Protein backbone atom coordinates (compact mmCIF):
# COMPACT_ATOMS: atom_id res chain seq x y z
CA MET A 1 14.64 29.03 48.79
CA ASN A 2 16.07 32.39 50.12
CA LYS A 3 15.61 33.70 53.66
CA ASN A 4 12.88 36.21 52.76
CA ALA A 5 10.87 33.53 51.03
CA GLN A 6 11.22 31.24 54.03
CA GLN A 7 9.89 33.97 56.30
CA ARG A 8 7.03 34.78 53.91
CA PHE A 9 5.74 31.21 53.61
CA GLY A 10 6.61 30.20 57.13
CA CYS A 11 8.68 27.23 56.09
CA SER A 12 12.20 26.25 55.22
CA PHE A 13 13.45 24.09 52.37
CA ARG A 14 16.78 22.38 52.00
CA LEU A 15 17.65 19.84 49.27
CA HIS A 16 19.41 16.82 50.71
CA PRO A 17 22.58 15.85 48.78
CA SER A 18 21.13 12.44 47.97
CA ALA A 19 18.28 14.16 46.16
CA PHE A 20 20.76 15.53 43.63
CA ILE A 21 21.72 11.96 42.84
CA LEU A 22 18.08 10.95 42.35
CA VAL A 23 17.43 13.90 40.05
CA PHE A 24 20.52 13.02 38.00
CA ILE A 25 19.48 9.35 37.72
CA ALA A 26 15.96 10.35 36.61
CA ALA A 27 17.31 12.68 33.93
CA PHE A 28 19.80 10.12 32.68
CA SER A 29 17.15 7.41 32.61
CA SER A 30 14.87 9.64 30.56
CA VAL A 31 17.57 10.24 27.95
CA PHE A 32 18.54 6.58 27.90
CA ALA A 33 14.91 5.45 27.54
CA SER A 34 14.44 7.63 24.47
CA SER A 35 17.31 5.91 22.67
CA ALA A 36 16.85 2.41 24.09
CA PRO A 37 14.18 1.18 21.59
CA ALA A 38 16.41 1.50 18.54
CA GLN A 39 19.38 0.01 20.39
CA THR A 40 17.46 -3.12 21.38
CA PHE A 41 15.04 -3.45 18.44
CA PRO A 42 14.36 -6.11 17.33
CA THR A 43 14.62 -8.87 19.91
CA LYS A 44 11.92 -11.11 18.43
CA THR A 45 10.03 -11.96 15.25
CA VAL A 46 8.62 -9.05 13.24
CA ARG A 47 5.17 -9.51 11.68
CA MET A 48 4.55 -8.00 8.25
CA VAL A 49 0.82 -7.83 7.56
CA VAL A 50 -0.08 -8.17 3.89
CA PRO A 51 -3.78 -7.25 3.59
CA PHE A 52 -4.39 -9.50 0.57
CA PRO A 53 -4.23 -13.27 -0.06
CA ALA A 54 -1.05 -15.24 -0.61
CA GLY A 55 0.04 -15.44 -4.25
CA GLY A 56 -1.23 -12.00 -5.22
CA PRO A 57 0.88 -8.98 -6.21
CA THR A 58 1.01 -7.44 -2.71
CA ASP A 59 2.14 -10.77 -1.33
CA ILE A 60 4.90 -11.06 -3.94
CA VAL A 61 6.28 -7.64 -3.01
CA GLY A 62 5.97 -8.36 0.71
CA ARG A 63 7.81 -11.67 0.57
CA THR A 64 10.58 -10.26 -1.64
CA ILE A 65 11.29 -7.45 0.81
CA GLY A 66 10.49 -9.45 3.94
CA GLN A 67 13.18 -12.03 3.30
CA LYS A 68 15.85 -9.33 2.98
CA LEU A 69 14.52 -7.38 5.95
CA GLY A 70 14.77 -10.45 8.15
CA GLU A 71 18.42 -10.85 7.18
CA THR A 72 19.07 -7.15 7.88
CA LEU A 73 17.34 -7.09 11.27
CA GLY A 74 18.73 -10.42 12.41
CA GLN A 75 15.23 -11.63 13.31
CA PRO A 76 12.61 -13.51 11.27
CA VAL A 77 10.05 -11.44 9.37
CA VAL A 78 6.83 -13.43 9.10
CA ILE A 79 4.26 -12.61 6.42
CA ASP A 80 0.72 -12.50 7.82
CA ASN A 81 -1.91 -12.46 5.05
CA ARG A 82 -5.08 -10.74 6.32
CA ALA A 83 -7.35 -10.35 3.31
CA GLY A 84 -10.73 -8.71 2.97
CA ALA A 85 -12.58 -5.49 2.21
CA GLY A 86 -10.02 -4.25 -0.31
CA GLY A 87 -7.21 -4.35 2.23
CA VAL A 88 -9.16 -2.65 5.03
CA ILE A 89 -9.23 -5.66 7.39
CA GLY A 90 -5.47 -6.11 7.54
CA THR A 91 -4.87 -2.37 7.61
CA GLU A 92 -7.20 -1.90 10.58
CA GLN A 93 -5.52 -4.74 12.45
CA VAL A 94 -2.12 -3.05 12.28
CA ALA A 95 -3.62 0.31 13.29
CA LYS A 96 -4.77 -1.35 16.52
CA SER A 97 -1.56 -3.32 17.12
CA PRO A 98 0.89 -2.46 19.95
CA PRO A 99 3.12 0.46 18.88
CA ASP A 100 6.39 -1.38 19.41
CA GLY A 101 7.63 -1.81 15.84
CA TYR A 102 6.88 -5.51 15.66
CA SER A 103 3.76 -5.07 13.50
CA LEU A 104 4.53 -3.67 10.05
CA LEU A 105 1.93 -3.11 7.33
CA LEU A 106 2.60 -3.33 3.61
CA GLY A 107 -0.20 -0.91 2.81
CA SER A 108 -1.67 -0.15 -0.57
CA ILE A 109 -3.53 2.53 -2.48
CA SER A 110 -6.79 0.86 -1.46
CA GLY A 111 -6.31 0.51 2.29
CA LEU A 112 -4.38 3.72 2.91
CA ALA A 113 -5.91 6.12 0.38
CA VAL A 114 -9.20 5.01 -1.21
CA ALA A 115 -10.65 3.50 1.97
CA MET A 116 -10.74 6.97 3.54
CA SER A 117 -13.74 7.84 1.37
CA LEU A 118 -15.04 4.44 0.25
CA TYR A 119 -15.28 2.81 3.71
CA PRO A 120 -16.69 5.39 6.17
CA ASN A 121 -16.81 2.77 8.98
CA ARG A 122 -13.34 1.36 8.43
CA GLY A 123 -12.15 1.80 12.04
CA TYR A 124 -8.96 3.77 11.40
CA ASP A 125 -7.65 7.00 9.92
CA SER A 126 -4.70 6.64 7.57
CA LEU A 127 -3.19 9.98 8.57
CA ARG A 128 -3.87 9.83 12.30
CA ASP A 129 -3.33 6.16 13.16
CA PHE A 130 -0.16 5.37 11.20
CA ALA A 131 3.42 6.55 11.02
CA PRO A 132 4.69 6.33 7.42
CA VAL A 133 7.93 4.40 6.93
CA THR A 134 8.66 4.45 3.19
CA GLN A 135 7.01 3.87 -0.17
CA ALA A 136 7.97 0.45 -1.47
CA VAL A 137 7.00 0.33 -5.16
CA THR A 138 4.79 1.70 -7.87
CA VAL A 139 3.14 -0.99 -9.97
CA THR A 140 2.07 -1.17 -13.60
CA ASN A 141 -1.43 -2.50 -14.18
CA ILE A 142 -2.50 -3.95 -17.50
CA LEU A 143 -5.91 -3.98 -19.14
CA VAL A 144 -6.35 -7.63 -20.05
CA VAL A 145 -9.25 -9.55 -21.56
CA HIS A 146 -10.14 -13.19 -21.98
CA PRO A 147 -8.94 -14.40 -25.40
CA ALA A 148 -12.52 -15.25 -26.39
CA LEU A 149 -13.53 -11.60 -26.24
CA PRO A 150 -13.48 -10.24 -29.83
CA VAL A 151 -11.39 -7.12 -29.16
CA ARG A 152 -7.71 -6.37 -29.72
CA ASN A 153 -7.35 -2.76 -28.60
CA VAL A 154 -8.94 -0.12 -26.39
CA ARG A 155 -11.06 1.42 -29.14
CA GLU A 156 -12.62 -1.95 -30.01
CA LEU A 157 -13.32 -2.61 -26.32
CA LEU A 158 -15.02 0.77 -25.93
CA ALA A 159 -17.11 0.12 -29.05
CA LEU A 160 -18.20 -3.30 -27.74
CA ALA A 161 -19.03 -1.92 -24.28
CA ARG A 162 -21.13 0.85 -25.82
CA ALA A 163 -22.92 -1.57 -28.12
CA LYS A 164 -23.71 -3.97 -25.24
CA PRO A 165 -24.18 -1.89 -22.06
CA GLY A 166 -24.10 -3.95 -18.87
CA MET A 167 -22.94 -7.12 -20.67
CA LEU A 168 -19.21 -6.93 -19.89
CA ASN A 169 -17.93 -7.81 -16.42
CA TYR A 170 -14.58 -6.76 -15.04
CA ALA A 171 -12.83 -8.43 -12.11
CA SER A 172 -11.06 -6.56 -9.33
CA SER A 173 -9.03 -7.68 -6.34
CA GLY A 174 -11.60 -6.01 -4.08
CA SER A 175 -13.60 -2.83 -3.63
CA GLY A 176 -11.34 0.19 -3.44
CA THR A 177 -8.30 -1.49 -4.94
CA VAL A 178 -6.51 0.03 -7.89
CA THR A 179 -8.09 -2.64 -10.12
CA HIS A 180 -11.51 -1.36 -9.04
CA LEU A 181 -10.51 2.30 -9.43
CA ALA A 182 -9.12 1.60 -12.88
CA GLY A 183 -12.44 0.12 -13.98
CA GLU A 184 -14.50 2.97 -12.56
CA LEU A 185 -12.25 5.54 -14.20
CA PHE A 186 -12.65 3.66 -17.51
CA LYS A 187 -16.44 3.77 -17.08
CA THR A 188 -16.46 7.47 -16.18
CA LEU A 189 -14.17 8.72 -18.94
CA GLY A 190 -15.40 6.25 -21.56
CA HIS A 191 -19.10 6.70 -20.78
CA VAL A 192 -19.64 2.94 -20.76
CA ASN A 193 -21.59 0.56 -18.54
CA ILE A 194 -19.38 -2.33 -17.44
CA VAL A 195 -20.12 -4.36 -14.30
CA HIS A 196 -17.72 -4.57 -11.35
CA VAL A 197 -17.16 -8.06 -9.88
CA PRO A 198 -14.95 -7.84 -6.76
CA PHE A 199 -12.84 -10.72 -5.43
CA LYS A 200 -10.75 -11.13 -2.27
CA GLY A 201 -7.42 -10.49 -3.91
CA GLY A 202 -5.65 -10.55 -7.26
CA ALA A 203 -5.13 -14.31 -7.38
CA PRO A 204 -8.86 -15.27 -7.26
CA ALA A 205 -9.70 -12.40 -9.64
CA LEU A 206 -7.15 -13.75 -12.10
CA THR A 207 -8.58 -17.27 -11.79
CA ALA A 208 -12.05 -15.96 -12.61
CA LEU A 209 -10.75 -14.09 -15.64
CA MET A 210 -8.83 -17.04 -17.04
CA SER A 211 -11.83 -19.34 -16.60
CA GLY A 212 -14.09 -16.93 -18.50
CA GLU A 213 -16.24 -16.11 -15.48
CA VAL A 214 -15.48 -12.45 -16.21
CA GLN A 215 -14.33 -10.94 -19.49
CA MET A 216 -11.77 -8.33 -18.47
CA SER A 217 -9.63 -6.85 -15.70
CA TYR A 218 -7.13 -4.07 -15.01
CA GLU A 219 -4.79 -6.48 -13.32
CA ASN A 220 -1.40 -6.10 -11.71
CA SER A 221 1.51 -6.91 -14.00
CA LEU A 222 3.14 -8.92 -11.21
CA ILE A 223 0.66 -11.73 -11.77
CA VAL A 224 -0.61 -11.38 -15.37
CA VAL A 225 2.54 -11.07 -17.49
CA PRO A 226 3.26 -14.85 -17.56
CA HIS A 227 -0.30 -15.53 -18.71
CA ILE A 228 -0.09 -12.83 -21.38
CA LYS A 229 3.09 -14.40 -22.72
CA SER A 230 1.51 -17.87 -22.73
CA GLY A 231 -1.54 -16.61 -24.66
CA LYS A 232 -4.02 -17.34 -21.87
CA LEU A 233 -4.83 -13.63 -21.62
CA ARG A 234 -4.78 -10.81 -24.18
CA ALA A 235 -3.21 -7.49 -23.16
CA LEU A 236 -4.72 -4.32 -24.62
CA ALA A 237 -2.93 -1.48 -22.79
CA VAL A 238 -1.32 -0.34 -19.55
CA THR A 239 -3.27 1.78 -17.09
CA GLY A 240 -0.52 4.22 -16.13
CA ALA A 241 0.35 7.59 -17.61
CA GLN A 242 3.45 6.13 -19.28
CA ARG A 243 4.29 2.90 -21.06
CA SER A 244 5.79 0.10 -19.01
CA LYS A 245 9.45 -0.84 -19.27
CA LEU A 246 8.30 -4.42 -18.87
CA MET A 247 6.10 -4.40 -22.00
CA PRO A 248 6.99 -1.24 -23.92
CA GLU A 249 5.04 -2.37 -26.97
CA LEU A 250 1.75 -1.88 -25.10
CA PRO A 251 0.19 1.58 -25.43
CA THR A 252 -1.32 3.38 -22.47
CA ILE A 253 -5.11 3.42 -22.27
CA ALA A 254 -4.91 7.14 -23.00
CA GLU A 255 -2.93 6.46 -26.16
CA GLY A 256 -5.33 3.67 -27.08
CA GLY A 257 -8.36 5.92 -27.30
CA LEU A 258 -9.27 7.30 -23.86
CA PRO A 259 -7.46 10.64 -23.37
CA GLY A 260 -6.75 11.70 -19.78
CA TYR A 261 -6.85 8.18 -18.41
CA ALA A 262 -4.20 7.20 -15.80
CA ALA A 263 -4.42 4.84 -12.82
CA SER A 264 -1.37 3.28 -11.17
CA GLY A 265 -0.99 1.17 -8.05
CA TRP A 266 1.53 1.44 -5.23
CA TYR A 267 2.52 -0.20 -1.98
CA GLY A 268 4.28 1.22 1.04
CA PHE A 269 5.16 0.49 4.66
CA VAL A 270 3.54 2.03 7.72
CA VAL A 271 3.48 1.22 11.44
CA PRO A 272 1.13 2.23 14.28
CA ALA A 273 1.40 5.97 14.94
CA ALA A 274 2.98 5.75 18.40
CA VAL A 275 5.94 3.58 17.38
CA PRO A 276 9.13 5.33 18.63
CA LYS A 277 10.64 7.60 16.01
CA ASP A 278 14.05 5.95 16.19
CA ILE A 279 12.54 2.56 15.32
CA VAL A 280 10.66 4.15 12.41
CA ALA A 281 13.90 5.75 11.23
CA ARG A 282 15.71 2.43 11.34
CA LEU A 283 12.98 0.66 9.37
CA THR A 284 12.97 3.48 6.82
CA ALA A 285 16.72 3.24 6.31
CA ASP A 286 16.79 -0.57 6.19
CA ILE A 287 13.89 -0.96 3.76
CA THR A 288 15.12 1.82 1.47
CA ARG A 289 18.53 0.13 1.36
CA ILE A 290 16.87 -3.20 0.51
CA LEU A 291 14.82 -1.61 -2.30
CA HIS A 292 18.05 -0.52 -3.97
CA MET A 293 19.77 -3.91 -3.77
CA PRO A 294 20.50 -5.05 -7.35
CA ASP A 295 18.83 -8.47 -6.98
CA VAL A 296 15.70 -6.91 -5.43
CA VAL A 297 15.51 -4.26 -8.16
CA GLU A 298 15.91 -6.94 -10.82
CA ARG A 299 13.25 -9.20 -9.35
CA LEU A 300 10.66 -6.47 -8.80
CA SER A 301 11.33 -4.56 -12.01
CA GLY A 302 11.17 -7.79 -13.98
CA GLN A 303 7.56 -8.12 -12.90
CA GLY A 304 6.48 -4.54 -13.43
CA ALA A 305 7.08 -3.12 -9.95
CA GLU A 306 9.40 -0.11 -9.75
CA PRO A 307 11.19 0.24 -6.36
CA VAL A 308 10.87 3.68 -4.74
CA GLY A 309 12.15 4.05 -1.17
CA GLY A 310 12.73 7.49 0.32
CA THR A 311 11.97 9.28 3.56
CA ALA A 312 9.00 8.83 5.86
CA GLU A 313 8.05 12.47 5.28
CA GLN A 314 7.96 11.97 1.51
CA PHE A 315 5.71 8.94 1.85
CA GLY A 316 3.42 10.76 4.27
CA ALA A 317 2.97 13.63 1.82
CA PHE A 318 2.33 11.14 -0.99
CA ILE A 319 -0.39 9.37 1.00
CA ARG A 320 -2.13 12.70 1.65
CA SER A 321 -2.06 13.58 -2.05
CA GLU A 322 -3.45 10.15 -3.01
CA ILE A 323 -6.30 10.47 -0.52
CA GLU A 324 -7.29 13.78 -2.08
CA LYS A 325 -7.01 12.46 -5.65
CA TRP A 326 -9.08 9.31 -5.21
CA THR A 327 -11.67 10.89 -2.94
CA ARG A 328 -12.65 13.02 -5.93
CA LEU A 329 -13.16 9.92 -8.11
CA VAL A 330 -15.13 8.08 -5.43
CA LYS A 331 -17.53 11.01 -5.19
CA THR A 332 -17.72 11.70 -8.93
CA ALA A 333 -18.32 8.06 -9.85
CA ASN A 334 -20.56 7.50 -6.81
CA MET A 335 -18.49 4.43 -5.99
CA LYS A 336 -19.76 2.02 -3.35
CA ALA A 337 -18.07 -0.79 -1.46
CA ASP A 338 -19.57 -3.93 -3.06
């Protein structure tokens, strides 16, 4: 403080030399603290929450990537299956977890996108409460029916559904999942009345379909392809906009007689919003690298899941676009959480 200022305020101020040292230490500590998380992370087990039951398609993707991620991080990655409400229960749990990078969510179209309009009391906001890491995969879904159902293509299924409104039941892996969305889109575009029967995951939905409890489903290729090949299920078409590399002989539902139809699933990683950016960046880089490993690509692609990867910003923009897209269907179809 200069002499005039001292006279004006009636005081004097002089910085002791030791104070310079304290200021320097504080500044250095601040810089060091900002980089410390990535340098030390991880020092313990990482929990990957899969918001669906063990044995289902989300679980298959999670365990495939989780094993490799554990090897990359040098710490175990434990799969924590938290099923219920179309993925909302597990998704909410991660949103409320400590923002330290040790809780990782393998989110889905249902929990991160559809839930924003289908579950008004879900307890989290996908855009506010999470930091995107990277998109993991896009997944082909297949319209399958029980072999006893007398249909062999989409047109025959539409004709049967129109002739017997309310008589056909379709299984989903839960309200708001892509298997539910696919059925509601089929109803809306096809002007048919088929009944939604939700289950707590793809595995129990598949069991119900194979037992004849329900007649049809728009199930994930990760779990239905072996049963299609064995003859226990009959495949009619794929739900996406393009044919699947896994079963190229199958037409799309749009090709099969329902123009404009397209519904594909996806999974991706997010963490609580306040996780340090350098930890997010490390997870993004590590998981993207894993998704491009030849053995991982082969295993996932062989079951109908196409690895994606990419930046956190790209995945964040994708989530926003998916929320907008499916909110329109939820409102148009007047979908409710069963």
